[in-house]
């Protein structure tokens, strides 16, 4: 039976294919797998990553989360000398 929905989320990609989609090296993909940032399945000697997992990784926010600065005034330690 042919899936007519066009859903390729369960398509398995090799490390090389994943690296190409992400624009990184194969070693970087292996590092992401090792660090748990990308979930992969190991079949024999090789890792395979679901297409949905690549999409999830690409769509996650990057950088530090926004934290507004404090509005309270800081006292200078020099002013506190007695």
PDB file of N, CA and C in Angstrom:
ATOM      1  N   UNK A   1       0.842  -1.179   0.000  1.00  0.00           N
ATOM      2  CA  UNK A   1       0.000   0.000   0.000  1.00  0.00           C
ATOM      3  C   UNK A   1       0.887   1.242   0.000  1.00  0.00           C
ATOM      4  N   UNK A   2       0.522   2.235  -0.744  1.00  0.00           N
ATOM      5  CA  UNK A   2       1.290   3.465  -0.869  1.00  0.00           C
ATOM      6  C   UNK A   2       0.695   4.521   0.050  1.00  0.00           C
ATOM      7  N   UNK A   3       1.540   5.197   0.791  1.00  0.00           N
ATOM      8  CA  UNK A   3       1.108   6.268   1.684  1.00  0.00           C
ATOM      9  C   UNK A   3       0.916   7.533   0.857  1.00  0.00           C
ATOM     10  N   UNK A   4      -0.330   7.957   0.698  1.00  0.00           N
ATOM     11  CA  UNK A   4      -0.611   9.119  -0.137  1.00  0.00           C
ATOM     12  C   UNK A   4      -0.590  10.428   0.643  1.00  0.00           C
ATOM     13  N   UNK A   5      -0.304  10.374   1.945  1.00  0.00           N
ATOM     14  CA  UNK A   5      -0.292  11.601   2.751  1.00  0.00           C
ATOM     15  C   UNK A   5       0.965  12.407   2.527  1.00  0.00           C
ATOM     16  N   UNK A   6       1.993  11.800   1.989  1.00  0.00           N
ATOM     17  CA  UNK A   6       3.247  12.517   1.754  1.00  0.00           C
ATOM     18  C   UNK A   6       4.040  12.717   3.029  1.00  0.00           C
ATOM     19  N   UNK A   7       3.743  11.952   4.060  1.00  0.00           N
ATOM     20  CA  UNK A   7       4.424  12.079   5.344  1.00  0.00           C
ATOM     21  C   UNK A   7       5.696  11.250   5.334  1.00  0.00           C
ATOM     22  N   UNK A   8       6.850  11.913   5.297  1.00  0.00           N
ATOM     23  CA  UNK A   8       8.139  11.226   5.283  1.00  0.00           C
ATOM     24  C   UNK A   8       8.810  11.293   6.646  1.00  0.00           C
ATOM     25  N   UNK A   9       8.037  11.489   7.725  1.00  0.00           N
ATOM     26  CA  UNK A   9       8.626  11.676   9.045  1.00  0.00           C
ATOM     27  C   UNK A   9       9.302  10.406   9.556  1.00  0.00           C
ATOM     28  N   UNK A  10       8.915   9.238   9.025  1.00  0.00           N
ATOM     29  CA  UNK A  10       9.518   7.994   9.495  1.00  0.00           C
ATOM     30  C   UNK A  10      10.633   7.520   8.568  1.00  0.00           C
ATOM     31  N   UNK A  11      10.996   8.338   7.604  1.00  0.00           N
ATOM     32  CA  UNK A  11      12.092   7.996   6.710  1.00  0.00           C
ATOM     33  C   UNK A  11      13.398   8.040   7.497  1.00  0.00           C
ATOM     34  N   UNK A  12      14.220   7.008   7.343  1.00  0.00           N
ATOM     35  CA  UNK A  12      15.499   6.959   8.042  1.00  0.00           C
ATOM     36  C   UNK A  12      16.585   7.571   7.177  1.00  0.00           C
ATOM     37  N   UNK A  13      17.403   8.411   7.797  1.00  0.00           N
ATOM     38  CA  UNK A  13      18.499   9.081   7.107  1.00  0.00           C
ATOM     39  C   UNK A  13      19.822   8.610   7.684  1.00  0.00           C
ATOM     40  N   UNK A  14      20.821   8.521   6.838  1.00  0.00           N
ATOM     41  CA  UNK A  14      22.162   8.176   7.312  1.00  0.00           C
ATOM     42  C   UNK A  14      22.781   9.399   7.968  1.00  0.00           C
ATOM     43  N   UNK A  15      23.909   9.206   8.612  1.00  0.00           N
ATOM     44  CA  UNK A  15      24.636  10.312   9.230  1.00  0.00           C
ATOM     45  C   UNK A  15      25.059  11.313   8.164  1.00  0.00           C
ATOM     46  N   UNK A  16      25.509  10.833   7.016  1.00  0.00           N
ATOM     47  CA  UNK A  16      25.936  11.720   5.934  1.00  0.00           C
ATOM     48  C   UNK A  16      24.764  12.542   5.406  1.00  0.00           C
ATOM     49  N   UNK A  17      23.600  11.925   5.237  1.00  0.00           N
ATOM     50  CA  UNK A  17      22.421  12.648   4.765  1.00  0.00           C
ATOM     51  C   UNK A  17      21.986  13.690   5.788  1.00  0.00           C
ATOM     52  N   UNK A  18      22.029  13.313   7.054  1.00  0.00           N
ATOM     53  CA  UNK A  18      21.663  14.235   8.126  1.00  0.00           C
ATOM     54  C   UNK A  18      22.616  15.419   8.162  1.00  0.00           C
ATOM     55  N   UNK A  19      23.908  15.154   8.020  1.00  0.00           N
ATOM     56  CA  UNK A  19      24.906  16.220   8.015  1.00  0.00           C
ATOM     57  C   UNK A  19      24.655  17.198   6.873  1.00  0.00           C
ATOM     58  N   UNK A  20      24.302  16.671   5.728  1.00  0.00           N
ATOM     59  CA  UNK A  20      24.040  17.522   4.566  1.00  0.00           C
ATOM     60  C   UNK A  20      22.810  18.397   4.809  1.00  0.00           C
ATOM     61  N   UNK A  21      21.749  17.814   5.386  1.00  0.00           N
ATOM     62  CA  UNK A  21      20.535  18.581   5.668  1.00  0.00           C
ATOM     63  C   UNK A  21      20.783  19.688   6.699  1.00  0.00           C
ATOM     64  N   UNK A  22      21.636  19.397   7.688  1.00  0.00           N
ATOM     65  CA  UNK A  22      21.915  20.368   8.740  1.00  0.00           C
ATOM     66  C   UNK A  22      23.034  21.336   8.375  1.00  0.00           C
ATOM     67  N   UNK A  23      23.782  21.020   7.329  1.00  0.00           N
ATOM     68  CA  UNK A  23      24.899  21.877   6.935  1.00  0.00           C
ATOM     69  C   UNK A  23      26.083  21.788   7.875  1.00  0.00           C
ATOM     70  N   UNK A  24      26.294  20.590   8.424  1.00  0.00           N
ATOM     71  CA  UNK A  24      27.414  20.355   9.340  1.00  0.00           C
ATOM     72  C   UNK A  24      28.187  19.131   8.870  1.00  0.00           C
ATOM     73  N   UNK A  25      29.278  18.827   9.565  1.00  0.00           N
ATOM     74  CA  UNK A  25      30.079  17.654   9.211  1.00  0.00           C
ATOM     75  C   UNK A  25      29.460  16.384   9.795  1.00  0.00           C
ATOM     76  N   UNK A  26      29.905  15.247   9.271  1.00  0.00           N
ATOM     77  CA  UNK A  26      29.446  13.960   9.810  1.00  0.00           C
ATOM     78  C   UNK A  26      29.885  13.802  11.260  1.00  0.00           C
ATOM     79  N   UNK A  27      31.090  14.283  11.586  1.00  0.00           N
ATOM     80  CA  UNK A  27      31.583  14.203  12.962  1.00  0.00           C
ATOM     81  C   UNK A  27      30.677  14.987  13.904  1.00  0.00           C
ATOM     82  N   UNK A  28      30.195  16.153  13.456  1.00  0.00           N
ATOM     83  CA  UNK A  28      29.295  16.966  14.281  1.00  0.00           C
ATOM     84  C   UNK A  28      27.998  16.207  14.545  1.00  0.00           C
ATOM     85  N   UNK A  29      27.479  15.505  13.557  1.00  0.00           N
ATOM     86  CA  UNK A  29      26.266  14.709  13.748  1.00  0.00           C
ATOM     87  C   UNK A  29      26.527  13.604  14.768  1.00  0.00           C
ATOM     88  N   UNK A  30      27.685  12.950  14.679  1.00  0.00           N
ATOM     89  CA  UNK A  30      28.035  11.925  15.664  1.00  0.00           C
ATOM     90  C   UNK A  30      28.127  12.537  17.069  1.00  0.00           C
ATOM     91  N   UNK A  31      28.672  13.751  17.175  1.00  0.00           N
ATOM     92  CA  UNK A  31      28.752  14.434  18.467  1.00  0.00           C
ATOM     93  C   UNK A  31      27.352  14.752  19.004  1.00  0.00           C
ATOM     94  N   UNK A  32      26.448  15.182  18.128  1.00  0.00           N
ATOM     95  CA  UNK A  32      25.072  15.481  18.540  1.00  0.00           C
ATOM     96  C   UNK A  32      24.363  14.223  19.028  1.00  0.00           C
ATOM     97  N   UNK A  33      24.627  13.105  18.376  1.00  0.00           N
ATOM     98  CA  UNK A  33      24.051  11.824  18.800  1.00  0.00           C
ATOM     99  C   UNK A  33      24.622  11.437  20.166  1.00  0.00           C
ATOM    100  N   UNK A  34      25.937  11.540  20.314  1.00  0.00           N
ATOM    101  CA  UNK A  34      26.603  11.176  21.563  1.00  0.00           C
ATOM    102  C   UNK A  34      26.108  12.024  22.730  1.00  0.00           C
ATOM    103  N   UNK A  35      25.872  13.327  22.478  1.00  0.00           N
ATOM    104  CA  UNK A  35      25.412  14.237  23.525  1.00  0.00           C
ATOM    105  C   UNK A  35      23.910  14.162  23.780  1.00  0.00           C
ATOM    106  N   UNK A  36      23.198  13.368  22.985  1.00  0.00           N
ATOM    107  CA  UNK A  36      21.766  13.212  23.179  1.00  0.00           C
ATOM    108  C   UNK A  36      20.932  14.327  22.569  1.00  0.00           C
ATOM    109  N   UNK A  37      21.531  15.166  21.758  1.00  0.00           N
ATOM    110  CA  UNK A  37      20.791  16.250  21.136  1.00  0.00           C
ATOM    111  C   UNK A  37      20.001  15.779  19.924  1.00  0.00           C
ATOM    112  N   UNK A  38      20.431  14.685  19.340  1.00  0.00           N
ATOM    113  CA  UNK A  38      19.698  14.036  18.258  1.00  0.00           C
ATOM    114  C   UNK A  38      19.553  12.565  18.635  1.00  0.00           C
ATOM    115  N   UNK A  39      18.326  12.054  18.517  1.00  0.00           N
ATOM    116  CA  UNK A  39      18.064  10.648  18.816  1.00  0.00           C
ATOM    117  C   UNK A  39      18.282   9.846  17.548  1.00  0.00           C
ATOM    118  N   UNK A  40      19.067   8.788  17.658  1.00  0.00           N
ATOM    119  CA  UNK A  40      19.386   7.953  16.504  1.00  0.00           C
ATOM    120  C   UNK A  40      19.268   6.483  16.891  1.00  0.00           C
ATOM    121  N   UNK A  41      19.067   5.652  15.880  1.00  0.00           N
ATOM    122  CA  UNK A  41      19.044   4.202  16.065  1.00  0.00           C
ATOM    123  C   UNK A  41      20.293   3.625  15.430  1.00  0.00           C
ATOM    124  N   UNK A  42      20.894   2.680  16.127  1.00  0.00           N
ATOM    125  CA  UNK A  42      22.091   2.043  15.590  1.00  0.00           C
ATOM    126  C   UNK A  42      21.695   0.689  15.012  1.00  0.00           C
ATOM    127  N   UNK A  43      21.979   0.539  13.744  1.00  0.00           N
ATOM    128  CA  UNK A  43      21.721  -0.726  13.049  1.00  0.00           C
ATOM    129  C   UNK A  43      23.057  -1.244  12.551  1.00  0.00           C
ATOM    130  N   UNK A  44      23.563  -2.274  13.207  1.00  0.00           N
ATOM    131  CA  UNK A  44      24.895  -2.762  12.868  1.00  0.00           C
ATOM    132  C   UNK A  44      25.930  -1.748  13.319  1.00  0.00           C
ATOM    133  N   UNK A  45      26.753  -1.305  12.385  1.00  0.00           N
ATOM    134  CA  UNK A  45      27.800  -0.325  12.694  1.00  0.00           C
ATOM    135  C   UNK A  45      27.348   1.115  12.496  1.00  0.00           C
ATOM    136  N   UNK A  46      26.180   1.317  11.908  1.00  0.00           N
ATOM    137  CA  UNK A  46      25.790   2.647  11.452  1.00  0.00           C
ATOM    138  C   UNK A  46      24.609   3.202  12.246  1.00  0.00           C
ATOM    139  N   UNK A  47      24.592   4.518  12.359  1.00  0.00           N
ATOM    140  CA  UNK A  47      23.481   5.218  12.985  1.00  0.00           C
ATOM    141  C   UNK A  47      22.533   5.717  11.908  1.00  0.00           C
ATOM    142  N   UNK A  48      21.233   5.699  12.230  1.00  0.00           N
ATOM    143  CA  UNK A  48      20.207   6.231  11.350  1.00  0.00           C
ATOM    144  C   UNK A  48      19.301   7.144  12.156  1.00  0.00           C
ATOM    145  N   UNK A  49      18.903   8.237  11.533  1.00  0.00           N
ATOM    146  CA  UNK A  49      18.117   9.259  12.201  1.00  0.00           C
ATOM    147  C   UNK A  49      16.821   9.437  11.429  1.00  0.00           C
ATOM    148  N   UNK A  50      15.697   9.524  12.165  1.00  0.00           N
ATOM    149  CA  UNK A  50      14.415   9.769  11.510  1.00  0.00           C
ATOM    150  C   UNK A  50      14.364  11.204  11.001  1.00  0.00           C
ATOM    151  N   UNK A  51      13.708  11.387   9.877  1.00  0.00           N
ATOM    152  CA  UNK A  51      13.558  12.705   9.283  1.00  0.00           C
ATOM    153  C   UNK A  51      12.877  13.670  10.262  1.00  0.00           C
ATOM    154  N   UNK A  52      11.902  13.185  11.027  1.00  0.00           N
ATOM    155  CA  UNK A  52      11.201  14.025  12.009  1.00  0.00           C
ATOM    156  C   UNK A  52      12.159  14.518  13.085  1.00  0.00           C
ATOM    157  N   UNK A  53      13.147  13.705  13.434  1.00  0.00           N
ATOM    158  CA  UNK A  53      14.137  14.093  14.443  1.00  0.00           C
ATOM    159  C   UNK A  53      15.025  15.219  13.922  1.00  0.00           C
ATOM    160  N   UNK A  54      15.367  15.164  12.653  1.00  0.00           N
ATOM    161  CA  UNK A  54      16.158  16.234  12.036  1.00  0.00           C
ATOM    162  C   UNK A  54      15.345  17.524  12.038  1.00  0.00           C
ATOM    163  N   UNK A  55      14.071  17.442  11.691  1.00  0.00           N
ATOM    164  CA  UNK A  55      13.199  18.625  11.705  1.00  0.00           C
ATOM    165  C   UNK A  55      13.081  19.189  13.112  1.00  0.00           C
ATOM    166  N   UNK A  56      12.945  18.325  14.114  1.00  0.00           N
ATOM    167  CA  UNK A  56      12.843  18.773  15.505  1.00  0.00           C
ATOM    168  C   UNK A  56      14.111  19.513  15.919  1.00  0.00           C
ATOM    169  N   UNK A  57      15.262  18.971  15.555  1.00  0.00           N
ATOM    170  CA  UNK A  57      16.530  19.603  15.921  1.00  0.00           C
ATOM    171  C   UNK A  57      16.684  20.959  15.228  1.00  0.00           C
ATOM    172  N   UNK A  58      16.317  21.022  13.951  1.00  0.00           N
ATOM    173  CA  UNK A  58      16.460  22.265  13.202  1.00  0.00           C
ATOM    174  C   UNK A  58      15.542  23.363  13.737  1.00  0.00           C
ATOM    175  N   UNK A  59      14.399  22.998  14.291  1.00  0.00           N
ATOM    176  CA  UNK A  59      13.415  23.982  14.731  1.00  0.00           C
ATOM    177  C   UNK A  59      13.544  24.376  16.198  1.00  0.00           C
ATOM    178  N   UNK A  60      14.509  23.831  16.899  1.00  0.00           N
ATOM    179  CA  UNK A  60      14.646  24.211  18.302  1.00  0.00           C
ATOM    180  C   UNK A  60      15.372  25.551  18.409  1.00  0.00           C
ATOM    181  N   UNK A  61      15.043  26.335  19.435  1.00  0.00           N
ATOM    182  CA  UNK A  61      15.686  27.643  19.583  1.00  0.00           C
ATOM    183  C   UNK A  61      17.169  27.498  19.900  1.00  0.00           C
ATOM    184  N   UNK A  62      17.939  28.495  19.497  1.00  0.00           N
ATOM    185  CA  UNK A  62      19.367  28.479  19.758  1.00  0.00           C
ATOM    186  C   UNK A  62      19.728  29.623  20.691  1.00  0.00           C
ATOM    187  N   UNK A  63      20.866  29.542  21.305  1.00  0.00           N
ATOM    188  CA  UNK A  63      21.349  30.608  22.177  1.00  0.00           C
ATOM    189  C   UNK A  63      20.766  30.529  23.570  1.00  0.00           C
ATOM    190  N   UNK A  64      21.102  31.502  24.379  1.00  0.00           N
ATOM    191  CA  UNK A  64      20.616  31.561  25.752  1.00  0.00           C
ATOM    192  C   UNK A  64      19.194  32.092  25.770  1.00  0.00           C
ATOM    193  N   UNK A  65      18.376  31.622  26.715  1.00  0.00           N
ATOM    194  CA  UNK A  65      17.031  32.169  26.825  1.00  0.00           C
ATOM    195  C   UNK A  65      17.080  33.624  27.298  1.00  0.00           C
ATOM    196  N   UNK A  66      16.106  34.402  26.868  1.00  0.00           N
ATOM    197  CA  UNK A  66      16.063  35.819  27.215  1.00  0.00           C
ATOM    198  C   UNK A  66      15.740  35.984  28.692  1.00  0.00           C
ATOM    199  N   UNK A  67      16.533  36.791  29.372  1.00  0.00           N
ATOM    200  CA  UNK A  67      16.264  37.143  30.759  1.00  0.00           C
ATOM    201  C   UNK A  67      16.421  38.650  30.876  1.00  0.00           C
ATOM    202  N   UNK A  68      15.327  39.348  31.208  1.00  0.00           N
ATOM    203  CA  UNK A  68      15.422  40.804  31.314  1.00  0.00           C
ATOM    204  C   UNK A  68      16.352  41.211  32.446  1.00  0.00           C
ATOM    205  N   UNK A  69      16.968  42.360  32.280  1.00  0.00           N
ATOM    206  CA  UNK A  69      17.857  42.863  33.318  1.00  0.00           C
ATOM    207  C   UNK A  69      17.058  43.298  34.525  1.00  0.00           C
ATOM    208  N   UNK A  70      17.693  43.241  35.658  1.00  0.00           N
ATOM    209  CA  UNK A  70      17.048  43.664  36.896  1.00  0.00           C
ATOM    210  C   UNK A  70      16.920  45.181  36.900  1.00  0.00           C
ATOM    211  N   UNK A  71      15.795  45.674  37.412  1.00  0.00           N
ATOM    212  CA  UNK A  71      15.589  47.120  37.475  1.00  0.00           C
ATOM    213  C   UNK A  71      16.035  47.705  38.799  1.00  0.00           C
ATOM    214  N   UNK A  72      16.419  46.843  39.739  1.00  0.00           N
ATOM    215  CA  UNK A  72      16.879  47.357  41.029  1.00  0.00           C
ATOM    216  C   UNK A  72      18.272  47.946  40.869  1.00  0.00           C
ATOM    217  N   UNK A  73      18.570  48.966  41.670  1.00  0.00           N
ATOM    218  CA  UNK A  73      19.878  49.595  41.586  1.00  0.00           C
ATOM    219  C   UNK A  73      20.859  48.834  42.446  1.00  0.00           C
ATOM    220  N   UNK A  74      22.058  48.712  41.946  1.00  0.00           N
ATOM    221  CA  UNK A  74      23.090  48.007  42.686  1.00  0.00           C
ATOM    222  C   UNK A  74      23.889  49.048  43.460  1.00  0.00           C
ATOM    223  N   UNK A  75      24.219  48.720  44.700  1.00  0.00           N
ATOM    224  CA  UNK A  75      25.026  49.631  45.496  1.00  0.00           C
ATOM    225  C   UNK A  75      26.497  49.307  45.280  1.00  0.00           C
ATOM    226  N   UNK A  76      27.295  50.293  45.268  1.00  0.00           N
ATOM    227  CA  UNK A  76      28.716  50.137  45.054  1.00  0.00           C
ATOM    228  C   UNK A  76      29.360  49.739  46.377  1.00  0.00           C
ATOM    229  N   UNK A  77      30.219  48.757  46.362  1.00  0.00           N
ATOM    230  CA  UNK A  77      30.841  48.269  47.603  1.00  0.00           C
ATOM    231  C   UNK A  77      31.749  49.346  48.232  1.00  0.00           C
ATOM    232  N   UNK A  78      32.219  50.257  47.448  1.00  0.00           N
ATOM    233  CA  UNK A  78      33.057  51.339  47.986  1.00  0.00           C
ATOM    234  C   UNK A  78      32.220  52.252  48.859  1.00  0.00           C
ATOM    235  N   UNK A  79      30.963  52.485  48.485  1.00  0.00           N
ATOM    236  CA  UNK A  79      30.088  53.360  49.259  1.00  0.00           C
ATOM    237  C   UNK A  79      29.726  52.765  50.620  1.00  0.00           C
ATOM    238  N   UNK A  80      29.868  51.454  50.773  1.00  0.00           N
ATOM    239  CA  UNK A  80      29.477  50.791  52.012  1.00  0.00           C
ATOM    240  C   UNK A  80      30.601  50.741  53.046  1.00  0.00           C
ATOM    241  N   UNK A  81      31.772  51.308  52.725  1.00  0.00           N
ATOM    242  CA  UNK A  81      32.901  51.273  53.682  1.00  0.00           C
ATOM    243  C   UNK A  81      32.610  52.213  54.846  1.00  0.00           C
ATOM    244  N   UNK A  82      33.113  51.836  56.008  1.00  0.00           N
ATOM    245  CA  UNK A  82      32.899  52.686  57.177  1.00  0.00           C
ATOM    246  C   UNK A  82      34.202  53.111  57.783  1.00  0.00           C
TER     247      UNK A  82
END
